[in-house]
């Protein structure tokens, strides 16, 4: 059984600053599933059940994360 297609658009934005010779600061913002599309899981494949062929769950909605890294 073939499930629905999976389509995602991810985006990352980052900025790096040099803080002297050995140190560097990076600020990063990442967004997964930017368009917030519904990405459904595969249908139920268990023969003999009432849910055969029914999609009962989906992948994660839009998620964002923010990070700061100091390298020295």
C-alpha atoms as a PDB file:
ATOM      1  CA  UNK A   1       0.000   0.000   0.000  1.00  0.00           C
ATOM      2  CA  UNK A   2       1.404   3.392  -0.970  1.00  0.00           C
ATOM      3  CA  UNK A   3       0.867   6.389   1.287  1.00  0.00           C
ATOM      4  CA  UNK A   4       0.520  10.071   0.487  1.00  0.00           C
ATOM      5  CA  UNK A   5       3.506  12.104  -0.656  1.00  0.00           C
ATOM      6  CA  UNK A   6       5.749  13.859   1.846  1.00  0.00           C
ATOM      7  CA  UNK A   7       6.552  17.501   1.145  1.00  0.00           C
ATOM      8  CA  UNK A   8       8.543  19.741   3.456  1.00  0.00           C
ATOM      9  CA  UNK A   9      10.245  23.108   3.156  1.00  0.00           C
ATOM     10  CA  UNK A  10      12.882  23.880   5.797  1.00  0.00           C
ATOM     11  CA  UNK A  11      14.595  27.223   6.369  1.00  0.00           C
ATOM     12  CA  UNK A  12      17.641  28.271   8.397  1.00  0.00           C
ATOM     13  CA  UNK A  13      18.939  31.793   9.024  1.00  0.00           C
ATOM     14  CA  UNK A  14      22.227  32.415  10.806  1.00  0.00           C
ATOM     15  CA  UNK A  15      24.561  35.285  11.627  1.00  0.00           C
ATOM     16  CA  UNK A  16      28.171  34.972  12.799  1.00  0.00           C
ATOM     17  CA  UNK A  17      30.226  37.586  14.627  1.00  0.00           C
ATOM     18  CA  UNK A  18      33.987  37.428  15.237  1.00  0.00           C
ATOM     19  CA  UNK A  19      34.733  38.355  18.853  1.00  0.00           C
ATOM     20  CA  UNK A  20      38.457  38.781  18.592  1.00  0.00           C
ATOM     21  CA  UNK A  21      41.048  36.329  17.306  1.00  0.00           C
ATOM     22  CA  UNK A  22      40.019  33.031  18.912  1.00  0.00           C
ATOM     23  CA  UNK A  23      36.301  33.616  19.637  1.00  0.00           C
ATOM     24  CA  UNK A  24      33.267  33.499  17.345  1.00  0.00           C
ATOM     25  CA  UNK A  25      29.552  33.838  18.160  1.00  0.00           C
ATOM     26  CA  UNK A  26      26.869  32.294  15.933  1.00  0.00           C
ATOM     27  CA  UNK A  27      23.120  32.931  16.293  1.00  0.00           C
ATOM     28  CA  UNK A  28      20.893  30.535  14.349  1.00  0.00           C
ATOM     29  CA  UNK A  29      17.134  30.243  13.777  1.00  0.00           C
ATOM     30  CA  UNK A  30      15.778  27.117  12.070  1.00  0.00           C
ATOM     31  CA  UNK A  31      12.222  26.410  10.937  1.00  0.00           C
ATOM     32  CA  UNK A  32      11.045  22.981   9.825  1.00  0.00           C
ATOM     33  CA  UNK A  33       7.909  22.602   7.655  1.00  0.00           C
ATOM     34  CA  UNK A  34       7.773  26.364   6.963  1.00  0.00           C
ATOM     35  CA  UNK A  35       4.537  26.160   4.966  1.00  0.00           C
ATOM     36  CA  UNK A  36       2.909  24.062   7.737  1.00  0.00           C
ATOM     37  CA  UNK A  37       1.646  21.457   5.249  1.00  0.00           C
ATOM     38  CA  UNK A  38      -0.104  18.362   6.523  1.00  0.00           C
ATOM     39  CA  UNK A  39       2.173  15.358   5.979  1.00  0.00           C
ATOM     40  CA  UNK A  40       0.113  12.278   6.699  1.00  0.00           C
ATOM     41  CA  UNK A  41       1.539   8.912   7.753  1.00  0.00           C
ATOM     42  CA  UNK A  42       0.996   5.749   5.752  1.00  0.00           C
ATOM     43  CA  UNK A  43      -2.439   4.065   5.929  1.00  0.00           C
ATOM     44  CA  UNK A  44      -3.121   1.160   8.286  1.00  0.00           C
ATOM     45  CA  UNK A  45      -1.932  -2.064   6.615  1.00  0.00           C
ATOM     46  CA  UNK A  46      -3.326  -4.670   9.020  1.00  0.00           C
ATOM     47  CA  UNK A  47      -5.615  -7.075   7.160  1.00  0.00           C
ATOM     48  CA  UNK A  48      -8.879  -8.001   8.848  1.00  0.00           C
ATOM     49  CA  UNK A  49      -9.276  -4.782  10.838  1.00  0.00           C
ATOM     50  CA  UNK A  50     -11.894  -2.050  10.424  1.00  0.00           C
ATOM     51  CA  UNK A  51      -9.142   0.556   9.944  1.00  0.00           C
ATOM     52  CA  UNK A  52      -7.576  -1.082   6.869  1.00  0.00           C
ATOM     53  CA  UNK A  53      -6.456   1.699   4.540  1.00  0.00           C
ATOM     54  CA  UNK A  54      -7.338   4.481   7.004  1.00  0.00           C
ATOM     55  CA  UNK A  55      -4.793   7.200   7.843  1.00  0.00           C
ATOM     56  CA  UNK A  56      -4.953   7.893  11.579  1.00  0.00           C
ATOM     57  CA  UNK A  57      -1.921  10.119  12.212  1.00  0.00           C
ATOM     58  CA  UNK A  58       0.295  12.807  10.700  1.00  0.00           C
ATOM     59  CA  UNK A  59       3.888  14.016  10.962  1.00  0.00           C
ATOM     60  CA  UNK A  60       4.884  16.994  13.112  1.00  0.00           C
ATOM     61  CA  UNK A  61       3.496  20.464  12.355  1.00  0.00           C
ATOM     62  CA  UNK A  62       5.757  23.497  11.937  1.00  0.00           C
ATOM     63  CA  UNK A  63       8.629  23.485  14.413  1.00  0.00           C
ATOM     64  CA  UNK A  64      11.155  26.223  15.156  1.00  0.00           C
ATOM     65  CA  UNK A  65      14.366  26.263  17.135  1.00  0.00           C
ATOM     66  CA  UNK A  66      16.756  29.000  18.125  1.00  0.00           C
ATOM     67  CA  UNK A  67      20.393  28.446  18.988  1.00  0.00           C
ATOM     68  CA  UNK A  68      23.476  30.379  20.066  1.00  0.00           C
ATOM     69  CA  UNK A  69      26.990  28.943  19.806  1.00  0.00           C
ATOM     70  CA  UNK A  70      30.174  30.425  21.186  1.00  0.00           C
ATOM     71  CA  UNK A  71      33.346  28.952  19.684  1.00  0.00           C
ATOM     72  CA  UNK A  72      36.797  29.689  21.064  1.00  0.00           C
END
